[in-house]
Amino acid sequence: MPDRSIWTPLLPRQLFVRLQLPFLLGVTLLSVAMLIAVPELERSAELWLGLVVAAVASVLFLSPRQTWMHTGWIVVIPVLDIVSIAFVRTALLPYLPSVGLLSLVPFAWIAYRFGWPGLALILVSGIVIAGLPFLLGGRPVTTLLALVNVLTLPFIATGLSVAIHLGSRNFEMRRRMSEEATARLRTALEQSHEAELLLRSVFDTVSGAVAYYNARNELVLANATAAKMVDVVGFRLDVPPYAGPDALMADRKTRIPLERQIIPRALRGEIIANHIEWLGRPGSQIAIMASSRRVHRDDGTLLGTVIAAYDVTELVEAIEVREEFLTTVSHELRTPLTSIIGYTEEIVDVLGEDAKRLGIDSWLATILRNTDTLLDRVSELLTVADSQVQLDVREVDVASIIGRAVEPFTVLAGRAGIELRTDVSADLLIEADPTRLAQVVENLVGNATKFTGRGGLVTVSARRRSDEELSISVADTGIGMTADVRRRVFDRFYRAQVVRDDAIQGIGVGMSIVKKIVDAHGGEIAIESAPGLGTTVTVVLPTRSVTSPAPAAEAVESA
């Protein structure tokens, strides 16, 4: 939008063409016509004087210095026109009484340009124009008819001028309002343009792909990264169906139907969070993690859909390498450990009482104890490496499972000066994998006793929440967790700084295993904790078996 006002003052040339020239032509043509019709008017000094004054007023527009015309001195020109009309009317009044209407041109000019003070000038000028014939003719205004003749023109002209003035004021007010609205609109457009530039710059700066579709599922904005990413799949962001043939699920094998790909799902209103897909043909595939969100106005009306995706190929491949490494190492360690345990037990059986006599019974016991510990660690690594927890579901009594799982910790807790309590309701039947459920309880109780000091309390409780759910809670009065630790407690191999500082044993996989088993049962797990105030871990499980879900593909698990 041009940076100028919608109204600007008229230039002197424009004033001459629009105001003075019509007046000059009117006076001149009318005077010439009357001179032809009434030849004796050639001797009228008033007529010629009026024409000369009109010419002088017009010549002023030709002066080399015209800056004064933008000041109040411009009133000189319409005043001269009024003087011109006064003399011309005096000369032509006997033949053409209506000639005084020509005064409306300078009157309108004064009323528009000079406001209320100009109206007083118009009234006086009208009286001068109407009274000049009586004054020059030596006729006093003594009759009512003469007075009416003198006052009619000024009052009519003044009335019309008042209307013009009020109209001009209204015009000025609306002009100012229009210019203010135009200025606000210009500012809003500039801000909108700047916001668009900023948004586009942000879109093009971020390393991820970002696309925005309006409520009609039409592409509004997308960065270059997004265009390149979908080009790998074989489609365009602005052409339906916004999907292509080269999109695979997280397993890198299963082809994704067009209607189940990211953009069609997002435009249908599905909320996508950290969804993993492989894009492209074999040999040039990339892994992406995508999310989507619908944007609504304050009144709830749909504004559009934002879709974002990031290239996580290196991260996914690193995780695959880690998983393969864990599985391989775990299997490679498990075989020799099993042999060590087997041969050590055989030695113990063969030596019998001779082991004690030879003084090696404690050595052999230490070997067996540590190899069992190491085998447990390897089993944990295998559990962590498994992409899906396999469940052997049956109806079991939660009370008996908790009792067997807690029993080994009773002696350990007593030695550490920790009170271990159980508060379990009777007849808590559930369809679950008893081995996996016991593993959950063992991990939670083991952590609770590990992080609770002497004189502390660990409580294991179980309750039925409803006909469909029951809960198992393990609460302790130990060191507690910070918000950051709570956020990462389910990450594999994560160990808090305080745990590392105190050299507490463990490899940081217990809680991730618990989470995986609970998820496989279709349950939920929650943690309440604060530094120095202990920790309560609550597991909520459905009493009826649910189908174990496929490996989570919506998020890359933490390394």
Protein backbone atom coordinates (compact mmCIF):
# COMPACT_ATOMS: atom_id res chain seq x y z
CA MET A 1 0.00 0.00 0.00
CA PRO A 2 1.48 3.42 -0.96
CA ASP A 3 2.60 5.41 2.04
CA ARG A 4 0.49 8.51 1.38
CA SER A 5 -2.71 10.12 2.62
CA ILE A 6 -5.97 9.36 0.81
CA TRP A 7 -6.58 13.16 0.61
CA THR A 8 -4.11 15.92 -0.07
CA PRO A 9 -4.64 19.72 -0.43
CA LEU A 10 -5.29 20.94 -3.97
CA LEU A 11 -2.40 22.52 -5.84
CA PRO A 12 -2.80 26.10 -7.18
CA ARG A 13 -3.25 24.74 -10.70
CA GLN A 14 -5.98 22.42 -9.48
CA LEU A 15 -7.68 25.25 -7.58
CA PHE A 16 -7.70 27.35 -10.75
CA VAL A 17 -9.16 24.58 -12.91
CA ARG A 18 -11.83 23.48 -10.41
CA LEU A 19 -12.89 26.82 -8.89
CA GLN A 20 -11.59 29.96 -10.55
CA LEU A 21 -11.79 28.91 -14.20
CA PRO A 22 -15.52 27.98 -14.06
CA PHE A 23 -16.25 31.27 -12.31
CA LEU A 24 -14.17 33.28 -14.80
CA LEU A 25 -15.80 31.56 -17.80
CA GLY A 26 -19.27 32.07 -16.31
CA VAL A 27 -18.76 35.76 -15.69
CA THR A 28 -17.09 36.35 -19.06
CA LEU A 29 -19.56 34.43 -21.21
CA LEU A 30 -22.54 35.94 -19.41
CA SER A 31 -21.12 39.46 -19.80
CA VAL A 32 -20.34 38.95 -23.50
CA ALA A 33 -23.83 37.60 -24.10
CA MET A 34 -25.38 40.60 -22.37
CA LEU A 35 -23.12 43.03 -24.32
CA ILE A 36 -24.40 41.52 -27.55
CA ALA A 37 -27.98 41.62 -26.37
CA VAL A 38 -27.77 45.10 -24.83
CA PRO A 39 -25.12 47.17 -26.71
CA GLU A 40 -25.47 50.16 -24.38
CA LEU A 41 -23.81 48.07 -21.65
CA GLU A 42 -20.51 48.88 -23.37
CA ARG A 43 -20.64 52.16 -21.51
CA SER A 44 -21.17 50.47 -18.10
CA ALA A 45 -18.14 51.15 -15.90
CA GLU A 46 -19.43 48.69 -13.30
CA LEU A 47 -19.48 45.81 -15.85
CA TRP A 48 -15.98 46.46 -17.10
CA LEU A 49 -14.68 46.97 -13.54
CA GLY A 50 -16.21 43.66 -12.50
CA LEU A 51 -14.56 41.87 -15.45
CA VAL A 52 -11.19 43.45 -14.65
CA VAL A 53 -11.40 42.35 -11.00
CA ALA A 54 -12.27 38.78 -12.08
CA ALA A 55 -9.28 38.81 -14.43
CA VAL A 56 -6.99 40.09 -11.67
CA ALA A 57 -8.16 37.31 -9.34
CA SER A 58 -7.45 34.77 -12.07
CA VAL A 59 -4.02 36.23 -12.88
CA LEU A 60 -2.97 35.72 -9.25
CA PHE A 61 -2.83 31.98 -9.98
CA LEU A 62 -0.05 32.69 -12.47
CA SER A 63 2.23 34.40 -9.93
CA PRO A 64 5.67 32.73 -9.69
CA ARG A 65 5.51 32.40 -5.91
CA GLN A 66 2.41 30.43 -5.00
CA THR A 67 3.26 29.25 -1.48
CA TRP A 68 0.96 31.92 -0.03
CA MET A 69 -1.95 30.04 -1.62
CA HIS A 70 -1.53 27.31 0.99
CA THR A 71 -2.10 29.86 3.75
CA GLY A 72 -5.10 31.92 4.86
CA TRP A 73 -4.20 34.59 2.30
CA ILE A 74 -5.94 32.49 -0.34
CA VAL A 75 -9.14 34.21 0.83
CA VAL A 76 -8.06 37.20 -1.29
CA ILE A 77 -9.11 35.38 -4.48
CA PRO A 78 -12.74 34.55 -3.54
CA VAL A 79 -13.08 38.06 -2.02
CA LEU A 80 -11.98 39.55 -5.36
CA ASP A 81 -14.51 37.27 -7.10
CA ILE A 82 -17.21 38.57 -4.75
CA VAL A 83 -16.21 42.16 -5.60
CA SER A 84 -16.34 41.23 -9.29
CA ILE A 85 -19.84 39.77 -8.92
CA ALA A 86 -20.99 42.85 -7.00
CA PHE A 87 -20.06 45.19 -9.91
CA VAL A 88 -21.25 42.83 -12.66
CA ARG A 89 -24.59 42.33 -10.88
CA THR A 90 -24.99 46.07 -10.46
CA ALA A 91 -24.59 46.50 -14.22
CA LEU A 92 -26.77 43.56 -15.30
CA LEU A 93 -29.45 43.63 -12.56
CA PRO A 94 -32.06 45.50 -14.70
CA TYR A 95 -31.69 42.92 -17.49
CA LEU A 96 -30.70 39.70 -15.65
CA PRO A 97 -31.54 39.67 -11.90
CA SER A 98 -30.36 36.06 -11.50
CA VAL A 99 -26.76 37.00 -12.29
CA GLY A 100 -26.14 37.14 -8.54
CA LEU A 101 -26.19 33.31 -8.46
CA LEU A 102 -22.61 33.41 -9.73
CA SER A 103 -21.62 34.49 -6.22
CA LEU A 104 -22.40 30.99 -4.99
CA VAL A 105 -19.04 29.81 -6.40
CA PRO A 106 -16.81 32.03 -4.19
CA PHE A 107 -19.29 31.65 -1.31
CA ALA A 108 -18.96 27.86 -1.45
CA TRP A 109 -15.19 28.19 -1.60
CA ILE A 110 -15.13 30.39 1.51
CA ALA A 111 -17.63 28.20 3.41
CA TYR A 112 -15.63 25.07 2.70
CA ARG A 113 -12.19 26.53 3.36
CA PHE A 114 -12.65 29.01 6.20
CA GLY A 115 -15.39 27.58 8.43
CA TRP A 116 -17.51 29.70 10.73
CA PRO A 117 -15.49 32.96 10.33
CA GLY A 118 -16.02 32.61 6.59
CA LEU A 119 -19.80 32.44 7.09
CA ALA A 120 -19.73 35.93 8.61
CA LEU A 121 -17.76 37.13 5.58
CA ILE A 122 -20.37 35.54 3.30
CA LEU A 123 -23.22 37.30 5.08
CA VAL A 124 -21.49 40.67 4.79
CA SER A 125 -20.51 39.99 1.18
CA GLY A 126 -24.09 39.03 0.30
CA ILE A 127 -25.35 42.29 1.77
CA VAL A 128 -22.70 44.23 -0.21
CA ILE A 129 -23.63 42.47 -3.47
CA ALA A 130 -27.35 43.02 -2.95
CA GLY A 131 -27.03 46.60 -1.63
CA LEU A 132 -24.42 47.92 -4.10
CA PRO A 133 -27.01 48.78 -6.83
CA PHE A 134 -29.00 50.82 -4.32
CA LEU A 135 -25.83 52.52 -3.07
CA LEU A 136 -24.48 53.42 -6.55
CA GLY A 137 -27.93 54.37 -7.80
CA GLY A 138 -28.50 56.74 -4.95
CA ARG A 139 -31.67 54.94 -3.90
CA PRO A 140 -32.08 54.58 -0.13
CA VAL A 141 -33.47 51.34 1.27
CA THR A 142 -36.62 52.74 2.78
CA THR A 143 -39.32 50.34 1.73
CA LEU A 144 -39.99 46.79 2.80
CA LEU A 145 -39.60 45.59 -0.78
CA ALA A 146 -36.17 47.18 -1.06
CA LEU A 147 -35.14 45.64 2.25
CA VAL A 148 -36.28 42.20 1.05
CA ASN A 149 -34.28 42.67 -2.16
CA VAL A 150 -31.19 43.51 -0.13
CA LEU A 151 -31.52 40.69 2.41
CA THR A 152 -32.77 37.81 0.24
CA LEU A 153 -29.47 37.10 -1.49
CA PRO A 154 -27.27 37.24 1.66
CA PHE A 155 -29.63 35.08 3.70
CA ILE A 156 -30.05 32.45 0.96
CA ALA A 157 -26.31 32.46 0.25
CA THR A 158 -25.51 32.23 3.93
CA GLY A 159 -27.95 29.33 4.40
CA LEU A 160 -26.45 27.44 1.51
CA SER A 161 -22.97 28.19 2.82
CA VAL A 162 -23.88 26.88 6.26
CA ALA A 163 -25.03 23.64 4.63
CA ILE A 164 -21.80 23.48 2.66
CA HIS A 165 -19.77 24.16 5.79
CA LEU A 166 -21.53 21.46 7.80
CA GLY A 167 -21.10 19.07 4.91
CA SER A 168 -17.42 19.93 4.68
CA ARG A 169 -16.97 19.38 8.42
CA ASN A 170 -18.65 16.01 8.14
CA PHE A 171 -16.44 15.23 5.16
CA GLU A 172 -13.32 16.27 7.08
CA MET A 173 -14.33 14.15 10.06
CA ARG A 174 -14.94 11.13 7.86
CA ARG A 175 -11.74 11.82 5.97
CA ARG A 176 -9.75 11.83 9.21
CA MET A 177 -11.50 8.67 10.37
CA SER A 178 -10.78 7.07 7.01
CA GLU A 179 -7.13 8.09 7.12
CA GLU A 180 -6.79 6.81 10.70
CA ALA A 181 -8.42 3.52 9.69
CA THR A 182 -6.13 3.39 6.67
CA ALA A 183 -3.11 3.99 8.89
CA ARG A 184 -4.22 1.25 11.27
CA LEU A 185 -4.81 -1.07 8.33
CA ARG A 186 -1.40 -0.22 6.90
CA THR A 187 0.22 -0.92 10.28
CA ALA A 188 -1.69 -4.19 10.61
CA LEU A 189 -0.68 -5.23 7.10
CA GLU A 190 2.95 -4.38 7.82
CA GLN A 191 2.83 -6.34 11.07
CA SER A 192 1.13 -9.23 9.29
CA HIS A 193 3.77 -9.16 6.59
CA GLU A 194 6.53 -9.07 9.19
CA ALA A 195 4.88 -11.93 11.09
CA GLU A 196 4.67 -13.94 7.87
CA LEU A 197 8.34 -13.27 7.12
CA LEU A 198 9.26 -14.24 10.68
CA LEU A 199 7.16 -17.40 10.53
CA ARG A 200 8.61 -18.40 7.19
CA SER A 201 12.12 -17.71 8.48
CA VAL A 202 11.44 -19.85 11.54
CA PHE A 203 10.05 -22.61 9.33
CA ASP A 204 13.11 -22.52 7.10
CA THR A 205 15.52 -22.29 10.05
CA VAL A 206 14.37 -25.29 12.07
CA SER A 207 16.09 -28.55 11.21
CA GLY A 208 12.81 -30.47 11.12
CA ALA A 209 10.06 -30.57 8.52
CA VAL A 210 7.02 -28.40 9.27
CA ALA A 211 3.78 -28.10 7.28
CA TYR A 212 0.54 -26.25 8.02
CA TYR A 213 -2.83 -27.07 6.43
CA ASN A 214 -5.98 -24.95 6.80
CA ALA A 215 -9.43 -26.21 7.83
CA ARG A 216 -10.13 -27.20 4.19
CA ASN A 217 -7.05 -29.44 4.22
CA GLU A 218 -5.21 -27.12 1.84
CA LEU A 219 -1.49 -26.51 2.27
CA VAL A 220 -0.82 -23.00 3.56
CA LEU A 221 2.84 -23.10 4.52
CA ALA A 222 5.66 -25.62 4.50
CA ASN A 223 9.43 -25.39 4.69
CA ALA A 224 11.94 -26.79 2.23
CA THR A 225 12.83 -29.67 4.57
CA ALA A 226 9.23 -30.91 4.47
CA ALA A 227 9.16 -30.77 0.67
CA LYS A 228 12.38 -32.80 0.44
CA MET A 229 11.15 -35.33 3.00
CA VAL A 230 7.91 -36.17 1.17
CA ASP A 231 9.71 -36.22 -2.16
CA VAL A 232 11.55 -39.29 -0.85
CA VAL A 233 8.18 -41.02 -0.41
CA GLY A 234 6.92 -40.01 -3.84
CA PHE A 235 4.26 -37.34 -3.30
CA ARG A 236 3.79 -33.58 -2.94
CA LEU A 237 2.60 -31.66 0.08
CA ASP A 238 0.04 -29.67 -1.92
CA VAL A 239 -1.49 -32.51 -3.93
CA PRO A 240 -3.94 -35.04 -2.39
CA PRO A 241 -3.86 -37.75 -1.15
CA TYR A 242 -0.70 -36.39 0.59
CA ALA A 243 0.77 -39.90 0.73
CA GLY A 244 3.05 -42.09 -1.34
CA PRO A 245 4.07 -45.72 -1.91
CA ASP A 246 7.44 -45.69 -0.13
CA ALA A 247 6.48 -45.48 3.55
CA LEU A 248 7.19 -48.34 5.96
CA MET A 249 6.35 -48.98 9.60
CA ALA A 250 8.95 -48.93 12.35
CA ASP A 251 9.79 -52.57 11.64
CA ARG A 252 11.16 -51.37 8.28
CA LYS A 253 9.20 -54.11 6.50
CA THR A 254 5.46 -53.45 6.62
CA ARG A 255 4.21 -51.06 3.95
CA ILE A 256 1.83 -48.38 5.23
CA PRO A 257 -1.43 -47.88 3.27
CA LEU A 258 -1.93 -44.38 1.87
CA GLU A 259 -4.82 -43.57 4.20
CA ARG A 260 -2.78 -44.61 7.27
CA GLN A 261 0.20 -42.39 6.52
CA ILE A 262 1.02 -39.36 8.63
CA ILE A 263 -0.58 -36.46 6.76
CA PRO A 264 -3.93 -38.17 5.95
CA ARG A 265 -4.20 -39.29 9.58
CA ALA A 266 -3.44 -35.79 10.87
CA LEU A 267 -5.94 -34.15 8.50
CA ARG A 268 -8.63 -36.57 9.70
CA GLY A 269 -8.10 -35.20 13.19
CA GLU A 270 -5.91 -37.93 14.71
CA ILE A 271 -3.43 -36.71 17.29
CA ILE A 272 -0.02 -38.11 16.39
CA ALA A 273 2.81 -38.09 18.93
CA ASN A 274 6.38 -39.20 18.21
CA HIS A 275 5.34 -41.62 15.45
CA ILE A 276 8.19 -43.52 13.78
CA GLU A 277 8.20 -44.38 10.07
CA TRP A 278 10.77 -45.28 7.45
CA LEU A 279 10.60 -43.31 4.21
CA GLY A 280 12.11 -44.05 0.83
CA ARG A 281 13.21 -47.05 -1.16
CA PRO A 282 15.67 -49.66 0.16
CA GLY A 283 19.20 -48.33 0.10
CA SER A 284 18.18 -44.70 0.60
CA GLN A 285 15.70 -44.87 3.48
CA ILE A 286 15.41 -42.38 6.28
CA ALA A 287 13.65 -42.75 9.62
CA ILE A 288 11.39 -39.92 10.77
CA MET A 289 9.62 -39.12 14.02
CA ALA A 290 6.42 -37.17 13.36
CA SER A 291 3.80 -35.41 15.47
CA SER A 292 0.67 -33.44 14.62
CA ARG A 293 -1.66 -31.02 16.31
CA ARG A 294 -4.95 -29.38 15.39
CA VAL A 295 -5.18 -25.60 15.90
CA HIS A 296 -8.49 -24.03 16.99
CA ARG A 297 -9.71 -20.47 17.40
CA ASP A 298 -10.88 -19.19 20.77
CA ASP A 299 -14.46 -20.15 19.90
CA GLY A 300 -13.42 -23.72 19.12
CA THR A 301 -13.58 -23.40 15.32
CA LEU A 302 -10.94 -25.43 13.54
CA LEU A 303 -8.20 -23.20 12.14
CA GLY A 304 -5.92 -25.85 10.69
CA THR A 305 -3.45 -28.66 11.32
CA VAL A 306 0.27 -28.47 12.02
CA ILE A 307 2.50 -31.44 11.20
CA ALA A 308 6.15 -31.68 12.23
CA ALA A 309 8.71 -34.39 11.51
CA TYR A 310 12.40 -34.91 12.23
CA ASP A 311 14.99 -37.10 10.58
CA VAL A 312 16.03 -39.57 13.31
CA THR A 313 17.79 -42.07 11.07
CA GLU A 314 21.08 -41.95 12.99
CA LEU A 315 19.30 -42.27 16.34
CA VAL A 316 17.16 -45.22 15.24
CA GLU A 317 20.11 -47.00 13.67
CA ALA A 318 22.15 -46.40 16.83
CA ILE A 319 19.34 -47.89 18.92
CA GLU A 320 19.14 -50.89 16.60
CA VAL A 321 22.88 -51.41 16.97
CA ARG A 322 22.56 -51.12 20.75
CA GLU A 323 19.68 -53.61 20.88
CA GLU A 324 21.61 -56.05 18.71
CA PHE A 325 24.67 -55.58 20.88
CA LEU A 326 22.70 -56.19 24.09
CA THR A 327 21.10 -59.32 22.70
CA THR A 328 24.35 -60.71 21.33
CA VAL A 329 26.40 -59.96 24.43
CA SER A 330 23.71 -61.28 26.74
CA HIS A 331 23.49 -64.58 24.89
CA GLU A 332 27.27 -64.85 24.64
CA LEU A 333 27.62 -64.29 28.39
CA ARG A 334 24.75 -66.54 29.39
CA THR A 335 26.27 -69.71 27.85
CA PRO A 336 29.66 -69.62 29.64
CA LEU A 337 28.00 -68.49 32.89
CA THR A 338 25.67 -71.46 32.75
CA SER A 339 28.67 -73.71 32.28
CA ILE A 340 30.55 -72.11 35.17
CA ILE A 341 27.55 -72.54 37.47
CA GLY A 342 27.04 -76.13 36.35
CA TYR A 343 30.68 -77.18 36.84
CA THR A 344 30.93 -75.34 40.16
CA GLU A 345 27.85 -77.14 41.47
CA GLU A 346 29.34 -80.42 40.21
CA ILE A 347 32.55 -79.70 42.12
CA VAL A 348 30.53 -78.98 45.26
CA ASP A 349 28.60 -82.24 44.86
CA VAL A 350 31.78 -84.29 44.20
CA LEU A 351 33.80 -82.85 47.06
CA GLY A 352 30.94 -82.84 49.54
CA GLU A 353 32.37 -82.56 53.11
CA ASP A 354 35.91 -82.59 51.69
CA ALA A 355 35.38 -79.00 50.43
CA LYS A 356 35.03 -77.80 54.01
CA ARG A 357 38.01 -79.88 55.13
CA LEU A 358 40.10 -78.40 52.34
CA GLY A 359 38.90 -74.88 53.26
CA ILE A 360 37.44 -74.10 49.84
CA ASP A 361 33.74 -74.38 50.66
CA SER A 362 33.45 -70.61 51.20
CA TRP A 363 35.28 -69.98 47.95
CA LEU A 364 32.92 -72.21 46.03
CA ALA A 365 29.92 -70.55 47.73
CA THR A 366 31.25 -67.14 46.69
CA ILE A 367 31.71 -68.34 43.12
CA LEU A 368 28.14 -69.66 42.99
CA ARG A 369 26.70 -66.52 44.61
CA ASN A 370 28.45 -64.14 42.22
CA THR A 371 27.79 -66.23 39.15
CA ASP A 372 24.10 -66.30 40.13
CA THR A 373 24.18 -62.51 40.49
CA LEU A 374 25.90 -62.17 37.14
CA LEU A 375 23.38 -64.53 35.55
CA ASP A 376 20.55 -62.39 36.97
CA ARG A 377 22.13 -59.31 35.39
CA VAL A 378 22.41 -61.08 32.06
CA SER A 379 18.76 -62.13 32.31
CA GLU A 380 17.82 -58.49 32.96
CA LEU A 381 19.76 -57.42 29.88
CA LEU A 382 17.94 -60.03 27.82
CA THR A 383 14.60 -58.78 29.14
CA VAL A 384 15.55 -55.21 28.30
CA ALA A 385 16.70 -56.21 24.82
CA ASP A 386 13.46 -58.04 24.03
CA SER A 387 11.31 -55.82 21.83
CA GLN A 388 8.16 -57.40 23.24
CA VAL A 389 7.43 -59.03 26.59
CA GLN A 390 5.96 -62.51 26.15
CA LEU A 391 3.28 -63.28 28.73
CA ASP A 392 2.04 -66.61 30.05
CA VAL A 393 -1.32 -65.40 31.33
CA ARG A 394 -3.35 -67.39 33.83
CA GLU A 395 -5.56 -66.69 36.83
CA VAL A 396 -3.37 -66.12 39.88
CA ASP A 397 -3.70 -64.91 43.47
CA VAL A 398 -1.91 -61.61 43.92
CA ALA A 399 -1.50 -62.14 47.67
CA SER A 400 0.47 -65.37 47.19
CA ILE A 401 2.65 -63.81 44.49
CA ILE A 402 3.48 -60.81 46.68
CA GLY A 403 4.17 -63.10 49.65
CA ARG A 404 6.68 -65.21 47.70
CA ALA A 405 8.27 -62.13 46.09
CA VAL A 406 8.70 -60.27 49.39
CA GLU A 407 9.97 -63.22 51.45
CA PRO A 408 13.61 -63.10 50.26
CA PHE A 409 13.82 -59.41 51.19
CA THR A 410 12.61 -59.94 54.77
CA VAL A 411 15.98 -61.17 56.00
CA LEU A 412 17.90 -58.54 54.00
CA ALA A 413 15.68 -55.75 55.33
CA GLY A 414 16.11 -56.99 58.89
CA ARG A 415 19.89 -56.98 58.57
CA ALA A 416 19.75 -53.40 57.21
CA GLY A 417 17.52 -52.24 60.09
CA ILE A 418 14.54 -51.66 57.80
CA GLU A 419 11.00 -52.65 58.71
CA LEU A 420 9.25 -54.44 55.84
CA ARG A 421 5.46 -54.62 56.04
CA THR A 422 2.81 -56.16 53.79
CA ASP A 423 -0.82 -55.06 53.69
CA VAL A 424 -2.55 -57.18 51.07
CA SER A 425 -6.27 -57.86 50.76
CA ALA A 426 -7.41 -61.46 50.45
CA ASP A 427 -8.89 -63.02 47.30
CA LEU A 428 -7.19 -60.71 44.83
CA LEU A 429 -7.55 -62.82 41.71
CA ILE A 430 -6.16 -61.52 38.45
CA GLU A 431 -5.41 -62.82 34.99
CA ALA A 432 -1.68 -62.19 34.60
CA ASP A 433 1.71 -63.81 34.10
CA PRO A 434 2.72 -64.88 37.66
CA THR A 435 6.45 -64.89 36.89
CA ARG A 436 6.39 -61.43 35.35
CA LEU A 437 4.15 -60.07 38.11
CA ALA A 438 6.54 -61.42 40.73
CA GLN A 439 9.38 -59.76 38.83
CA VAL A 440 7.57 -56.43 39.12
CA VAL A 441 7.15 -56.78 42.89
CA GLU A 442 10.75 -57.96 43.37
CA ASN A 443 12.15 -54.98 41.47
CA LEU A 444 10.02 -52.46 43.32
CA VAL A 445 10.72 -53.95 46.77
CA GLY A 446 14.41 -54.33 45.93
CA ASN A 447 14.65 -50.64 44.99
CA ALA A 448 12.71 -49.58 48.07
CA THR A 449 15.02 -51.46 50.47
CA LYS A 450 18.10 -50.37 48.53
CA PHE A 451 17.31 -46.66 48.86
CA THR A 452 15.92 -46.68 52.43
CA GLY A 453 18.28 -46.16 55.33
CA ARG A 454 18.42 -47.87 58.72
CA GLY A 455 15.30 -47.28 60.77
CA GLY A 456 13.19 -46.79 57.65
CA LEU A 457 9.95 -48.44 56.61
CA VAL A 458 8.93 -50.22 53.40
CA THR A 459 5.25 -51.07 52.91
CA VAL A 460 3.86 -53.37 50.22
CA SER A 461 0.10 -53.13 49.77
CA ALA A 462 -2.49 -54.40 47.32
CA ARG A 463 -6.14 -53.38 46.97
CA ARG A 464 -9.02 -53.92 44.59
CA ARG A 465 -9.93 -50.56 43.02
CA SER A 466 -12.99 -51.84 41.17
CA ASP A 467 -14.28 -54.98 39.53
CA GLU A 468 -11.99 -54.25 36.60
CA GLU A 469 -8.81 -53.02 38.34
CA LEU A 470 -6.54 -53.61 41.29
CA SER A 471 -3.48 -51.76 42.52
CA ILE A 472 -0.15 -52.79 44.00
CA SER A 473 1.83 -50.13 45.87
CA VAL A 474 5.33 -50.13 47.30
CA ALA A 475 6.04 -47.18 49.60
CA ASP A 476 9.25 -46.35 51.40
CA THR A 477 10.64 -43.63 53.65
CA GLY A 478 13.94 -43.48 51.77
CA ILE A 479 15.90 -40.78 49.99
CA GLY A 480 13.16 -39.95 47.50
CA MET A 481 13.56 -38.55 43.98
CA THR A 482 13.88 -35.15 42.37
CA ALA A 483 11.58 -34.16 39.51
CA ASP A 484 14.37 -34.81 37.02
CA VAL A 485 14.95 -38.33 38.36
CA ARG A 486 11.21 -39.08 38.25
CA ARG A 487 11.15 -37.97 34.64
CA ARG A 488 13.93 -40.37 33.64
CA VAL A 489 13.41 -43.23 36.09
CA PHE A 490 12.01 -45.53 33.38
CA ASP A 491 14.90 -44.89 30.98
CA ARG A 492 17.09 -47.91 30.44
CA PHE A 493 20.49 -47.79 32.14
CA TYR A 494 19.69 -44.47 33.81
CA ARG A 495 21.13 -44.11 37.32
CA ALA A 496 20.67 -40.97 39.37
CA GLN A 497 23.70 -38.96 40.42
CA VAL A 498 23.15 -39.74 44.10
CA VAL A 499 23.11 -43.46 43.29
CA ARG A 500 26.40 -43.18 41.43
CA ASP A 501 27.93 -41.07 44.19
CA ASP A 502 26.97 -43.63 46.85
CA ALA A 503 28.15 -46.53 44.66
CA ILE A 504 24.84 -48.36 45.06
CA GLN A 505 24.86 -51.53 43.01
CA GLY A 506 22.72 -51.91 39.90
CA ILE A 507 22.79 -51.34 36.16
CA GLY A 508 19.72 -49.11 35.91
CA VAL A 509 17.30 -51.43 34.09
CA GLY A 510 14.94 -52.53 36.90
CA MET A 511 12.34 -49.79 36.49
CA SER A 512 12.39 -50.02 32.68
CA ILE A 513 11.66 -53.74 33.01
CA VAL A 514 8.81 -53.00 35.44
CA LYS A 515 7.37 -50.47 33.00
CA LYS A 516 7.60 -52.89 30.11
CA ILE A 517 5.87 -55.69 32.04
CA VAL A 518 3.11 -53.38 33.29
CA ASP A 519 2.53 -52.05 29.77
CA ALA A 520 2.36 -55.60 28.42
CA HIS A 521 -0.43 -56.35 30.93
CA GLY A 522 -2.30 -53.22 29.83
CA GLY A 523 -1.70 -51.49 33.16
CA GLU A 524 -0.36 -48.15 34.34
CA ILE A 525 2.39 -47.12 36.74
CA ALA A 526 2.68 -43.91 38.73
CA ILE A 527 5.35 -42.51 41.05
CA GLU A 528 4.96 -40.04 43.92
CA SER A 529 8.22 -38.89 45.42
CA ALA A 530 10.16 -35.94 46.76
CA PRO A 531 13.76 -35.63 47.99
CA GLY A 532 14.02 -36.83 51.60
CA LEU A 533 10.32 -37.76 51.79
CA GLY A 534 10.40 -41.25 50.36
CA THR A 535 8.81 -42.79 47.29
CA THR A 536 5.53 -44.52 46.50
CA VAL A 537 5.23 -46.56 43.31
CA THR A 538 1.70 -47.63 42.37
CA VAL A 539 0.93 -50.20 39.68
CA VAL A 540 -2.66 -50.44 38.42
CA LEU A 541 -3.54 -53.64 36.53
CA PRO A 542 -6.73 -54.83 34.84
CA THR A 543 -8.17 -57.94 36.48
CA ARG A 544 -9.00 -59.42 33.09
CA SER A 545 -6.34 -60.26 30.56
CA VAL A 546 -5.75 -57.90 27.67
CA THR A 547 -3.94 -58.66 24.46
CA SER A 548 -0.31 -57.74 24.80
CA PRO A 549 0.34 -54.75 22.52
CA ALA A 550 2.91 -54.77 19.78
CA PRO A 551 6.22 -53.07 20.46
CA ALA A 552 5.70 -49.35 20.87
CA ALA A 553 6.50 -47.61 17.64
CA GLU A 554 5.27 -44.17 18.63
CA ALA A 555 8.49 -43.20 20.38
CA VAL A 556 12.15 -44.08 20.40
CA GLU A 557 13.02 -45.36 23.84
CA SER A 558 15.69 -43.46 25.67
CA ALA A 559 19.24 -44.56 25.22
